[in-house]
N, C-alpha and C. Protein backbone atom coordinates (compact mmCIF):
# COMPACT_ATOMS: atom_id res chain seq x y z
N MET A 1 34.34 -13.47 10.04
CA MET A 1 33.79 -14.63 10.74
C MET A 1 32.70 -14.21 11.72
N ALA A 2 32.92 -13.02 12.35
CA ALA A 2 31.93 -12.53 13.31
C ALA A 2 30.63 -12.19 12.61
N SER A 3 30.77 -11.62 11.40
CA SER A 3 29.55 -11.27 10.66
C SER A 3 28.78 -12.52 10.26
N ASN A 4 29.50 -13.61 9.97
CA ASN A 4 28.86 -14.87 9.62
C ASN A 4 28.05 -15.40 10.80
N GLY A 5 28.60 -15.31 12.00
CA GLY A 5 27.91 -15.77 13.21
C GLY A 5 26.68 -14.93 13.49
N THR A 6 26.76 -13.61 13.23
CA THR A 6 25.61 -12.72 13.44
C THR A 6 24.48 -13.07 12.49
N GLY A 7 24.82 -13.41 11.23
CA GLY A 7 23.80 -13.79 10.25
C GLY A 7 23.09 -15.07 10.66
N VAL A 8 23.84 -16.03 11.19
CA VAL A 8 23.24 -17.30 11.64
C VAL A 8 22.30 -17.04 12.80
N LEU A 9 22.71 -16.17 13.73
CA LEU A 9 21.85 -15.85 14.87
C LEU A 9 20.56 -15.16 14.42
N THR A 10 20.67 -14.28 13.45
CA THR A 10 19.49 -13.57 12.94
C THR A 10 18.51 -14.53 12.30
N ILE A 11 19.03 -15.44 11.48
CA ILE A 11 18.17 -16.42 10.81
C ILE A 11 17.53 -17.36 11.83
N THR A 12 18.31 -17.80 12.80
CA THR A 12 17.78 -18.70 13.83
C THR A 12 16.67 -18.02 14.63
N GLY A 13 16.89 -16.76 14.98
CA GLY A 13 15.87 -16.00 15.73
C GLY A 13 14.58 -15.86 14.92
N ALA A 14 14.71 -15.59 13.62
CA ALA A 14 13.53 -15.44 12.76
C ALA A 14 12.76 -16.76 12.66
N VAL A 15 13.51 -17.87 12.53
CA VAL A 15 12.85 -19.18 12.43
C VAL A 15 12.13 -19.51 13.74
N LEU A 16 12.76 -19.24 14.87
CA LEU A 16 12.13 -19.52 16.16
C LEU A 16 10.88 -18.69 16.37
N ARG A 17 10.91 -17.41 15.96
CA ARG A 17 9.73 -16.56 16.09
C ARG A 17 8.58 -17.08 15.21
N ALA A 18 8.92 -17.50 14.00
CA ALA A 18 7.89 -18.03 13.10
C ALA A 18 7.29 -19.32 13.65
N MET A 19 8.16 -20.21 14.19
CA MET A 19 7.67 -21.45 14.77
C MET A 19 6.82 -21.18 16.01
N GLY A 20 7.21 -20.14 16.76
CA GLY A 20 6.42 -19.77 17.95
C GLY A 20 5.02 -19.31 17.55
N ALA A 21 4.91 -18.52 16.48
CA ALA A 21 3.60 -18.08 16.00
C ALA A 21 2.77 -19.27 15.53
N THR A 22 3.43 -20.23 14.90
CA THR A 22 2.72 -21.43 14.44
C THR A 22 2.20 -22.24 15.62
N LEU A 23 3.03 -22.44 16.64
CA LEU A 23 2.62 -23.21 17.81
C LEU A 23 1.51 -22.50 18.57
N LYS A 24 1.57 -21.16 18.62
CA LYS A 24 0.55 -20.40 19.34
C LYS A 24 -0.83 -20.57 18.68
N ASN A 25 -0.86 -20.63 17.36
CA ASN A 25 -2.13 -20.73 16.63
C ASN A 25 -2.56 -22.17 16.35
N LEU A 26 -1.70 -23.14 16.72
CA LEU A 26 -1.99 -24.53 16.40
C LEU A 26 -3.25 -25.04 17.11
N PHE A 27 -3.49 -24.57 18.32
CA PHE A 27 -4.59 -25.09 19.13
C PHE A 27 -5.79 -24.14 19.17
N ARG A 28 -5.75 -23.08 18.39
CA ARG A 28 -6.90 -22.17 18.32
C ARG A 28 -7.98 -22.74 17.40
N LYS A 29 -9.23 -22.34 17.65
CA LYS A 29 -10.32 -22.77 16.78
C LYS A 29 -10.22 -22.03 15.45
N PRO A 30 -10.52 -22.68 14.34
CA PRO A 30 -10.45 -21.99 13.05
C PRO A 30 -11.54 -20.92 12.93
N ILE A 31 -11.20 -19.80 12.30
CA ILE A 31 -12.17 -18.70 12.14
C ILE A 31 -12.62 -18.58 10.68
N THR A 32 -12.13 -19.46 9.83
CA THR A 32 -12.50 -19.40 8.42
C THR A 32 -13.94 -19.84 8.22
N VAL A 33 -14.71 -19.08 7.44
CA VAL A 33 -16.08 -19.47 7.09
C VAL A 33 -15.99 -20.40 5.89
N HIS A 34 -16.52 -21.60 6.03
CA HIS A 34 -16.44 -22.60 4.96
C HIS A 34 -17.52 -22.33 3.91
N TYR A 35 -17.31 -21.26 3.19
CA TYR A 35 -18.25 -20.88 2.13
C TYR A 35 -17.96 -21.73 0.90
N PRO A 36 -18.95 -22.23 0.16
CA PRO A 36 -20.39 -22.00 0.26
C PRO A 36 -21.14 -23.03 1.08
N ASP A 37 -20.44 -23.99 1.71
CA ASP A 37 -21.14 -24.99 2.52
C ASP A 37 -21.87 -24.34 3.69
N LYS A 38 -21.25 -23.33 4.28
CA LYS A 38 -21.86 -22.61 5.40
C LYS A 38 -22.16 -21.18 4.93
N PRO A 39 -23.42 -20.73 5.02
CA PRO A 39 -23.73 -19.37 4.56
C PRO A 39 -23.06 -18.32 5.42
N ARG A 40 -22.62 -17.27 4.77
CA ARG A 40 -21.92 -16.20 5.47
C ARG A 40 -22.91 -15.14 5.94
N GLN A 41 -22.72 -14.64 7.14
CA GLN A 41 -23.57 -13.58 7.68
C GLN A 41 -22.97 -12.22 7.27
N TYR A 42 -23.80 -11.40 6.67
CA TYR A 42 -23.34 -10.09 6.22
C TYR A 42 -23.74 -9.00 7.22
N PRO A 43 -22.95 -7.96 7.34
CA PRO A 43 -23.36 -6.83 8.20
C PRO A 43 -24.64 -6.19 7.67
N SER A 44 -25.35 -5.49 8.54
CA SER A 44 -26.64 -4.92 8.14
C SER A 44 -26.49 -3.89 7.03
N ARG A 45 -25.36 -3.22 6.95
CA ARG A 45 -25.17 -2.18 5.93
C ARG A 45 -24.35 -2.67 4.73
N TYR A 46 -24.19 -3.98 4.59
CA TYR A 46 -23.43 -4.52 3.46
C TYR A 46 -24.18 -4.27 2.16
N ARG A 47 -23.46 -3.82 1.13
CA ARG A 47 -24.06 -3.57 -0.17
C ARG A 47 -23.21 -4.23 -1.24
N GLY A 48 -23.81 -5.18 -1.95
CA GLY A 48 -23.07 -5.96 -2.95
C GLY A 48 -23.62 -5.82 -4.35
N LEU A 49 -24.18 -6.92 -4.86
CA LEU A 49 -24.66 -6.96 -6.24
C LEU A 49 -25.79 -5.98 -6.48
N LEU A 50 -25.87 -5.49 -7.71
CA LEU A 50 -26.97 -4.62 -8.12
C LEU A 50 -28.10 -5.47 -8.69
N ALA A 51 -29.33 -5.01 -8.51
CA ALA A 51 -30.50 -5.75 -9.00
C ALA A 51 -31.63 -4.78 -9.29
N LEU A 52 -32.58 -5.24 -10.09
CA LEU A 52 -33.80 -4.48 -10.37
C LEU A 52 -34.95 -5.07 -9.57
N THR A 53 -35.93 -4.21 -9.25
CA THR A 53 -37.01 -4.63 -8.36
C THR A 53 -38.38 -4.54 -9.04
N TYR A 54 -39.33 -5.23 -8.45
CA TYR A 54 -40.74 -5.16 -8.85
C TYR A 54 -41.53 -4.42 -7.77
N ASP A 55 -42.65 -3.83 -8.17
CA ASP A 55 -43.56 -3.22 -7.21
C ASP A 55 -44.28 -4.34 -6.46
N LYS A 56 -44.24 -4.30 -5.12
CA LYS A 56 -44.81 -5.38 -4.31
C LYS A 56 -46.34 -5.44 -4.44
N GLU A 57 -46.97 -4.30 -4.66
CA GLU A 57 -48.44 -4.27 -4.72
C GLU A 57 -48.97 -4.69 -6.10
N THR A 58 -48.39 -4.13 -7.16
CA THR A 58 -48.91 -4.39 -8.50
C THR A 58 -48.16 -5.49 -9.23
N GLY A 59 -46.93 -5.78 -8.83
CA GLY A 59 -46.12 -6.78 -9.52
C GLY A 59 -45.46 -6.25 -10.78
N GLU A 60 -45.59 -4.95 -11.05
CA GLU A 60 -44.97 -4.36 -12.24
C GLU A 60 -43.52 -3.99 -11.94
N GLU A 61 -42.76 -3.81 -13.01
CA GLU A 61 -41.37 -3.36 -12.85
C GLU A 61 -41.36 -1.93 -12.32
N ASN A 62 -40.45 -1.66 -11.39
CA ASN A 62 -40.35 -0.31 -10.84
C ASN A 62 -39.65 0.65 -11.80
N CYS A 63 -38.81 0.13 -12.67
CA CYS A 63 -38.02 0.99 -13.55
C CYS A 63 -38.93 1.68 -14.56
N ILE A 64 -38.77 3.00 -14.69
CA ILE A 64 -39.56 3.79 -15.64
C ILE A 64 -38.71 4.24 -16.83
N GLY A 65 -37.49 3.75 -16.91
CA GLY A 65 -36.63 4.07 -18.05
C GLY A 65 -36.21 5.52 -18.12
N CYS A 66 -36.09 6.20 -16.98
CA CYS A 66 -35.74 7.63 -16.99
C CYS A 66 -34.28 7.88 -17.33
N ARG A 67 -33.44 6.87 -17.22
CA ARG A 67 -32.02 6.90 -17.60
C ARG A 67 -31.16 7.75 -16.66
N LEU A 68 -31.66 8.10 -15.50
CA LEU A 68 -30.84 8.85 -14.55
C LEU A 68 -29.63 8.04 -14.11
N CYS A 69 -29.83 6.73 -13.92
CA CYS A 69 -28.72 5.87 -13.51
C CYS A 69 -27.65 5.83 -14.61
N GLU A 70 -28.09 5.83 -15.85
CA GLU A 70 -27.14 5.81 -16.97
C GLU A 70 -26.33 7.10 -17.01
N TYR A 71 -26.98 8.24 -16.77
CA TYR A 71 -26.29 9.53 -16.84
C TYR A 71 -25.30 9.72 -15.70
N VAL A 72 -25.63 9.19 -14.50
CA VAL A 72 -24.80 9.45 -13.33
C VAL A 72 -23.65 8.45 -13.19
N CYS A 73 -23.70 7.34 -13.91
CA CYS A 73 -22.71 6.25 -13.75
C CYS A 73 -21.31 6.71 -14.18
N PRO A 74 -20.33 6.76 -13.27
CA PRO A 74 -18.98 7.22 -13.64
C PRO A 74 -18.29 6.38 -14.71
N PRO A 75 -18.31 5.03 -14.63
CA PRO A 75 -17.65 4.25 -15.70
C PRO A 75 -18.54 3.97 -16.89
N ALA A 76 -19.79 4.50 -16.89
CA ALA A 76 -20.73 4.34 -18.00
C ALA A 76 -20.97 2.87 -18.35
N VAL A 77 -21.36 2.09 -17.33
CA VAL A 77 -21.60 0.66 -17.54
C VAL A 77 -23.09 0.33 -17.65
N ILE A 78 -23.96 1.33 -17.48
CA ILE A 78 -25.41 1.11 -17.55
C ILE A 78 -25.94 1.69 -18.85
N LYS A 79 -26.76 0.91 -19.54
CA LYS A 79 -27.42 1.35 -20.77
C LYS A 79 -28.91 1.05 -20.64
N VAL A 80 -29.74 2.09 -20.81
CA VAL A 80 -31.19 1.96 -20.67
C VAL A 80 -31.86 2.51 -21.91
N GLU A 81 -32.87 1.79 -22.36
CA GLU A 81 -33.70 2.25 -23.48
C GLU A 81 -35.14 2.32 -22.99
N MET A 82 -35.76 3.51 -23.14
CA MET A 82 -37.10 3.71 -22.60
C MET A 82 -38.18 3.21 -23.57
N LEU A 83 -39.24 2.64 -22.99
CA LEU A 83 -40.41 2.22 -23.75
C LEU A 83 -41.60 3.03 -23.23
N LYS A 84 -42.15 3.91 -24.08
CA LYS A 84 -43.27 4.76 -23.66
C LYS A 84 -44.56 3.97 -23.78
N ALA A 85 -45.38 4.06 -22.72
CA ALA A 85 -46.67 3.38 -22.70
C ALA A 85 -47.76 4.39 -22.33
N GLU A 86 -49.02 3.92 -22.27
CA GLU A 86 -50.14 4.83 -22.01
C GLU A 86 -50.08 5.42 -20.61
N LYS A 87 -50.02 4.55 -19.60
CA LYS A 87 -50.08 5.02 -18.22
C LYS A 87 -48.72 5.47 -17.70
N ARG A 88 -47.66 4.76 -18.07
CA ARG A 88 -46.32 5.07 -17.55
C ARG A 88 -45.28 4.52 -18.50
N ASN A 89 -44.04 4.91 -18.29
CA ASN A 89 -42.94 4.43 -19.13
C ASN A 89 -42.28 3.22 -18.47
N TYR A 90 -41.63 2.41 -19.32
CA TYR A 90 -40.91 1.23 -18.84
C TYR A 90 -39.52 1.23 -19.45
N ALA A 91 -38.67 0.38 -18.94
CA ALA A 91 -37.36 0.16 -19.54
C ALA A 91 -37.48 -0.96 -20.57
N LYS A 92 -37.34 -0.61 -21.83
CA LYS A 92 -37.39 -1.64 -22.88
C LYS A 92 -36.19 -2.56 -22.74
N THR A 93 -35.00 -1.98 -22.60
CA THR A 93 -33.79 -2.76 -22.33
C THR A 93 -33.04 -2.09 -21.18
N PHE A 94 -32.37 -2.91 -20.39
CA PHE A 94 -31.56 -2.42 -19.27
C PHE A 94 -30.36 -3.35 -19.17
N THR A 95 -29.18 -2.86 -19.47
CA THR A 95 -27.97 -3.70 -19.38
C THR A 95 -26.97 -3.08 -18.41
N LEU A 96 -26.28 -3.93 -17.71
CA LEU A 96 -25.29 -3.51 -16.72
C LEU A 96 -24.03 -4.36 -16.89
N GLU A 97 -22.90 -3.71 -17.17
CA GLU A 97 -21.63 -4.41 -17.31
C GLU A 97 -20.99 -4.52 -15.92
N LEU A 98 -21.30 -5.60 -15.23
CA LEU A 98 -20.86 -5.75 -13.84
C LEU A 98 -19.35 -5.86 -13.71
N TYR A 99 -18.68 -6.36 -14.74
CA TYR A 99 -17.22 -6.53 -14.67
C TYR A 99 -16.49 -5.19 -14.61
N ALA A 100 -17.16 -4.08 -14.99
CA ALA A 100 -16.52 -2.76 -14.94
C ALA A 100 -17.18 -1.84 -13.92
N CYS A 101 -18.14 -2.36 -13.16
CA CYS A 101 -18.87 -1.53 -12.18
C CYS A 101 -17.96 -1.17 -11.01
N GLU A 102 -18.09 0.08 -10.54
CA GLU A 102 -17.28 0.55 -9.40
C GLU A 102 -18.01 0.37 -8.07
N PHE A 103 -19.28 -0.04 -8.09
CA PHE A 103 -20.09 -0.20 -6.89
C PHE A 103 -20.12 1.08 -6.06
N CYS A 104 -20.23 2.21 -6.75
CA CYS A 104 -20.24 3.51 -6.07
C CYS A 104 -21.62 3.86 -5.53
N GLU A 105 -22.65 3.15 -5.97
CA GLU A 105 -24.03 3.30 -5.49
C GLU A 105 -24.71 4.59 -5.96
N LEU A 106 -24.10 5.32 -6.87
CA LEU A 106 -24.74 6.54 -7.36
C LEU A 106 -26.02 6.24 -8.11
N CYS A 107 -26.06 5.13 -8.85
CA CYS A 107 -27.28 4.76 -9.58
C CYS A 107 -28.43 4.51 -8.63
N VAL A 108 -28.13 3.93 -7.47
CA VAL A 108 -29.17 3.67 -6.46
C VAL A 108 -29.67 4.99 -5.87
N GLN A 109 -28.76 5.91 -5.62
CA GLN A 109 -29.12 7.16 -4.97
C GLN A 109 -30.02 8.04 -5.84
N VAL A 110 -29.83 8.01 -7.15
CA VAL A 110 -30.61 8.91 -8.01
C VAL A 110 -31.92 8.31 -8.49
N CYS A 111 -32.13 7.02 -8.28
CA CYS A 111 -33.33 6.36 -8.82
C CYS A 111 -34.59 6.86 -8.12
N PRO A 112 -35.52 7.48 -8.84
CA PRO A 112 -36.72 8.04 -8.19
C PRO A 112 -37.74 7.00 -7.78
N THR A 113 -37.67 5.79 -8.33
CA THR A 113 -38.67 4.76 -8.03
C THR A 113 -38.10 3.58 -7.26
N ASP A 114 -36.88 3.68 -6.77
CA ASP A 114 -36.20 2.58 -6.06
C ASP A 114 -36.17 1.32 -6.91
N ALA A 115 -35.98 1.50 -8.22
CA ALA A 115 -35.98 0.35 -9.14
C ALA A 115 -34.67 -0.40 -9.10
N ILE A 116 -33.56 0.28 -8.89
CA ILE A 116 -32.25 -0.39 -8.82
C ILE A 116 -31.74 -0.28 -7.39
N ILE A 117 -31.40 -1.42 -6.82
CA ILE A 117 -30.92 -1.47 -5.43
C ILE A 117 -29.71 -2.39 -5.36
N MET A 118 -29.08 -2.41 -4.19
CA MET A 118 -27.94 -3.31 -3.97
C MET A 118 -28.39 -4.43 -3.03
N MET A 119 -27.80 -5.60 -3.24
CA MET A 119 -28.20 -6.78 -2.49
C MET A 119 -27.14 -7.14 -1.44
N LYS A 120 -27.53 -7.95 -0.48
CA LYS A 120 -26.59 -8.44 0.54
C LYS A 120 -25.91 -9.70 0.05
N SER A 121 -25.27 -9.63 -1.09
CA SER A 121 -24.58 -10.79 -1.63
C SER A 121 -23.53 -10.34 -2.65
N PHE A 122 -22.50 -11.14 -2.77
CA PHE A 122 -21.47 -10.90 -3.80
C PHE A 122 -21.35 -12.12 -4.70
N ASP A 123 -22.22 -13.11 -4.50
CA ASP A 123 -22.06 -14.44 -5.10
C ASP A 123 -22.45 -14.43 -6.58
N LEU A 124 -21.52 -14.01 -7.42
CA LEU A 124 -21.76 -14.06 -8.87
C LEU A 124 -20.44 -14.34 -9.58
N SER A 125 -19.64 -15.23 -9.00
CA SER A 125 -18.35 -15.55 -9.60
C SER A 125 -18.53 -16.44 -10.82
N THR A 126 -17.70 -16.22 -11.81
CA THR A 126 -17.78 -16.99 -13.05
C THR A 126 -16.43 -16.97 -13.75
N SER A 127 -16.21 -17.93 -14.61
CA SER A 127 -14.97 -17.96 -15.38
C SER A 127 -15.16 -17.35 -16.77
N ASP A 128 -16.39 -16.98 -17.10
CA ASP A 128 -16.70 -16.42 -18.40
C ASP A 128 -17.09 -14.95 -18.23
N ARG A 129 -16.33 -14.05 -18.77
CA ARG A 129 -16.56 -12.62 -18.63
C ARG A 129 -17.92 -12.21 -19.21
N ARG A 130 -18.39 -12.92 -20.22
CA ARG A 130 -19.66 -12.57 -20.86
C ARG A 130 -20.85 -12.74 -19.93
N GLU A 131 -20.71 -13.60 -18.92
CA GLU A 131 -21.79 -13.79 -17.96
C GLU A 131 -21.94 -12.61 -17.01
N MET A 132 -20.97 -11.70 -17.00
CA MET A 132 -21.04 -10.52 -16.15
C MET A 132 -21.74 -9.35 -16.84
N LEU A 133 -22.16 -9.55 -18.07
CA LEU A 133 -22.99 -8.56 -18.77
C LEU A 133 -24.44 -8.91 -18.47
N LEU A 134 -25.05 -8.17 -17.56
CA LEU A 134 -26.37 -8.50 -17.05
C LEU A 134 -27.46 -7.73 -17.80
N ASP A 135 -28.46 -8.46 -18.25
CA ASP A 135 -29.60 -7.81 -18.91
C ASP A 135 -30.72 -7.63 -17.88
N LYS A 136 -31.85 -7.11 -18.34
CA LYS A 136 -32.97 -6.79 -17.44
C LYS A 136 -33.50 -8.03 -16.73
N ASP A 137 -33.66 -9.13 -17.45
CA ASP A 137 -34.19 -10.36 -16.84
C ASP A 137 -33.26 -10.90 -15.76
N ARG A 138 -31.97 -10.86 -16.03
CA ARG A 138 -31.00 -11.37 -15.05
C ARG A 138 -30.95 -10.47 -13.81
N LEU A 139 -31.06 -9.16 -14.00
CA LEU A 139 -31.06 -8.23 -12.86
C LEU A 139 -32.31 -8.42 -12.00
N HIS A 140 -33.44 -8.69 -12.62
CA HIS A 140 -34.66 -8.98 -11.86
C HIS A 140 -34.52 -10.30 -11.10
N ALA A 141 -33.90 -11.29 -11.74
CA ALA A 141 -33.70 -12.59 -11.07
C ALA A 141 -32.80 -12.45 -9.85
N ILE A 142 -31.76 -11.62 -9.94
CA ILE A 142 -30.87 -11.38 -8.78
C ILE A 142 -31.65 -10.71 -7.66
N GLY A 143 -32.55 -9.78 -8.03
CA GLY A 143 -33.36 -9.11 -7.03
C GLY A 143 -34.29 -10.04 -6.28
N LEU A 144 -34.75 -11.11 -6.94
CA LEU A 144 -35.63 -12.08 -6.29
C LEU A 144 -34.84 -13.15 -5.53
N GLN A 145 -33.59 -13.36 -5.92
CA GLN A 145 -32.79 -14.45 -5.36
C GLN A 145 -32.13 -14.08 -4.04
N HIS A 146 -31.67 -12.84 -3.90
CA HIS A 146 -30.88 -12.45 -2.72
C HIS A 146 -31.64 -11.46 -1.85
N GLU A 147 -31.15 -11.31 -0.62
CA GLU A 147 -31.75 -10.37 0.32
C GLU A 147 -31.33 -8.94 -0.03
N PRO A 148 -32.29 -8.01 -0.11
CA PRO A 148 -31.91 -6.64 -0.47
C PRO A 148 -31.21 -5.91 0.67
N SER A 149 -30.38 -4.95 0.32
CA SER A 149 -29.74 -4.11 1.30
C SER A 149 -30.75 -3.12 1.86
N TRP A 150 -30.44 -2.51 2.99
CA TRP A 150 -31.36 -1.54 3.60
C TRP A 150 -31.46 -0.27 2.78
N ALA A 151 -30.44 0.04 1.98
CA ALA A 151 -30.36 1.35 1.32
C ALA A 151 -31.10 1.35 -0.01
N THR A 152 -32.05 2.26 -0.16
CA THR A 152 -32.70 2.52 -1.45
C THR A 152 -32.52 4.00 -1.76
N GLY A 153 -32.88 4.39 -2.97
CA GLY A 153 -32.70 5.79 -3.36
C GLY A 153 -33.44 6.75 -2.46
N ASN A 154 -34.71 6.44 -2.17
CA ASN A 154 -35.50 7.35 -1.32
C ASN A 154 -34.97 7.41 0.10
N LEU A 155 -34.56 6.28 0.66
CA LEU A 155 -34.01 6.28 2.02
C LEU A 155 -32.72 7.07 2.10
N LEU A 156 -31.85 6.91 1.10
CA LEU A 156 -30.58 7.62 1.11
C LEU A 156 -30.80 9.13 0.95
N ARG A 157 -31.76 9.52 0.10
CA ARG A 157 -32.04 10.95 -0.06
C ARG A 157 -32.65 11.54 1.21
N ASP A 158 -33.50 10.77 1.89
CA ASP A 158 -34.08 11.24 3.15
C ASP A 158 -33.01 11.45 4.21
N MET A 159 -31.99 10.60 4.21
CA MET A 159 -30.90 10.75 5.17
C MET A 159 -30.10 12.02 4.92
N GLN A 160 -29.98 12.43 3.65
CA GLN A 160 -29.17 13.60 3.31
C GLN A 160 -29.95 14.91 3.41
N THR A 161 -31.29 14.83 3.50
CA THR A 161 -32.11 16.03 3.59
C THR A 161 -32.02 16.61 5.00
N PRO A 162 -31.78 17.92 5.13
CA PRO A 162 -31.74 18.50 6.47
C PRO A 162 -33.09 18.37 7.16
N PRO A 163 -33.11 18.17 8.47
CA PRO A 163 -34.39 18.02 9.18
C PRO A 163 -35.19 19.32 9.13
N LYS A 164 -36.52 19.18 9.00
CA LYS A 164 -37.40 20.35 8.97
C LYS A 164 -37.70 20.79 10.39
N ALA A 165 -37.87 22.11 10.55
CA ALA A 165 -38.20 22.65 11.87
C ALA A 165 -39.63 22.28 12.22
N ALA A 166 -39.88 22.03 13.51
CA ALA A 166 -41.23 21.71 13.97
C ALA A 166 -42.14 22.92 13.75
N PRO A 167 -43.45 22.70 13.53
CA PRO A 167 -44.35 23.82 13.25
C PRO A 167 -44.34 24.90 14.32
N GLY A 168 -44.27 24.54 15.61
CA GLY A 168 -44.28 25.54 16.68
C GLY A 168 -42.91 26.10 17.00
N ALA A 169 -41.86 25.55 16.39
CA ALA A 169 -40.50 25.97 16.74
C ALA A 169 -40.23 27.40 16.28
N ALA A 170 -40.72 27.78 15.10
CA ALA A 170 -40.47 29.13 14.58
C ALA A 170 -41.19 30.16 15.43
N HIS A 171 -42.43 29.84 15.89
CA HIS A 171 -43.19 30.76 16.71
C HIS A 171 -42.54 30.93 18.08
N GLY A 172 -42.05 29.79 18.64
CA GLY A 172 -41.39 29.84 19.94
C GLY A 172 -40.10 30.62 19.89
N ALA A 173 -39.37 30.50 18.78
CA ALA A 173 -38.10 31.24 18.65
C ALA A 173 -38.36 32.72 18.57
N ALA A 174 -39.46 33.12 17.90
CA ALA A 174 -39.78 34.54 17.79
C ALA A 174 -40.17 35.11 19.15
N ALA A 175 -40.88 34.29 19.95
CA ALA A 175 -41.30 34.75 21.27
C ALA A 175 -40.11 34.88 22.20
N ALA A 176 -39.11 34.03 22.03
CA ALA A 176 -37.95 34.06 22.92
C ALA A 176 -37.00 35.19 22.59
N SER A 177 -37.05 35.74 21.38
CA SER A 177 -36.12 36.80 20.99
C SER A 177 -36.47 38.08 21.72
N PRO A 178 -35.47 38.89 22.10
CA PRO A 178 -35.75 40.12 22.86
C PRO A 178 -36.51 41.12 22.03
N LYS A 179 -37.43 41.87 22.71
CA LYS A 179 -38.22 42.88 22.02
C LYS A 179 -37.37 44.11 21.79
N PRO A 180 -37.57 44.81 20.66
CA PRO A 180 -36.83 46.06 20.45
C PRO A 180 -37.34 47.14 21.38
N ALA A 181 -36.46 48.03 21.80
CA ALA A 181 -36.83 49.11 22.72
C ALA A 181 -37.76 50.09 22.01
N SER A 182 -38.86 50.44 22.68
CA SER A 182 -39.82 51.37 22.07
C SER A 182 -39.30 52.79 22.15
N ALA A 183 -39.93 53.66 21.41
CA ALA A 183 -39.47 55.05 21.35
C ALA A 183 -39.75 55.78 22.65
N THR A 184 -40.79 55.32 23.41
CA THR A 184 -41.14 56.02 24.65
C THR A 184 -40.23 55.65 25.81
N GLU A 185 -39.62 54.45 25.76
CA GLU A 185 -38.76 54.03 26.87
C GLU A 185 -37.40 54.70 26.74
N PRO A 186 -36.85 55.17 27.88
CA PRO A 186 -35.52 55.79 27.80
C PRO A 186 -34.46 54.74 27.54
N ALA A 187 -33.53 55.07 26.67
CA ALA A 187 -32.46 54.13 26.34
C ALA A 187 -31.44 54.08 27.45
N ALA A 188 -30.89 52.92 27.71
CA ALA A 188 -29.89 52.77 28.76
C ALA A 188 -28.61 53.45 28.33
N LYS A 189 -27.93 54.07 29.30
CA LYS A 189 -26.68 54.75 28.99
C LYS A 189 -25.60 53.73 28.69
N PRO A 190 -24.83 53.94 27.66
CA PRO A 190 -23.76 53.00 27.36
C PRO A 190 -22.65 53.11 28.38
N ALA A 191 -22.06 51.98 28.70
CA ALA A 191 -20.95 51.96 29.67
C ALA A 191 -19.70 52.53 28.99
N THR A 192 -18.98 53.34 29.70
CA THR A 192 -17.76 53.94 29.15
C THR A 192 -16.56 53.42 29.89
N ALA A 193 -15.42 53.53 29.23
CA ALA A 193 -14.20 53.02 29.84
C ALA A 193 -13.82 53.88 31.05
N GLY A 194 -14.01 55.18 30.92
CA GLY A 194 -13.63 56.06 32.05
C GLY A 194 -14.84 56.40 32.88
N ALA A 195 -15.32 55.49 33.67
CA ALA A 195 -16.51 55.72 34.50
C ALA A 195 -16.18 56.71 35.62
N GLU A 196 -17.22 57.50 36.03
CA GLU A 196 -16.98 58.50 37.09
C GLU A 196 -16.73 57.81 38.42
N ARG A 197 -15.78 58.35 39.17
CA ARG A 197 -15.46 57.79 40.48
C ARG A 197 -16.15 58.62 41.56
N PRO A 198 -16.56 58.02 42.63
CA PRO A 198 -17.23 58.77 43.70
C PRO A 198 -16.28 59.73 44.39
């Protein structure tokens, strides 16, 4: 009978604690973002969807079809076919299986022309898996539709490169280093453990 009473007390205490948490939050302002009615603010370093870019000056595609992104992709979701031209190469086809992408950003890091970047958006939900197979045109459209992330291949590589020494730093370091003792100067006597006492 005593154990029965203890069980009732435990359940009552749990219910009261739960009701207390409900009452405490009843009068607080809601913190939920009502997406998509209200646009969500992303952190400055947020990296979401992948996209392809155009050159701002010439309007040409940045992708040269080098296939580095395809080689480095861990789940092998990128397929690129190169199209050789007179002045430069292009990507004849570029497909990305977004449903299997790990968003590891390795493709962005190795791209020599900043052709593939990540966007500040995740908004590509769909009920049809086939719509997550992105071709070149769709990837370019995503690049024009959303705000790009700060990180590009060249910027990320610059961050990982060790800083170069200033031109005068090597000369200054050599001047600060002690000069070797010349043959004409007498060498200082080494200190010994048993020094002579007066």
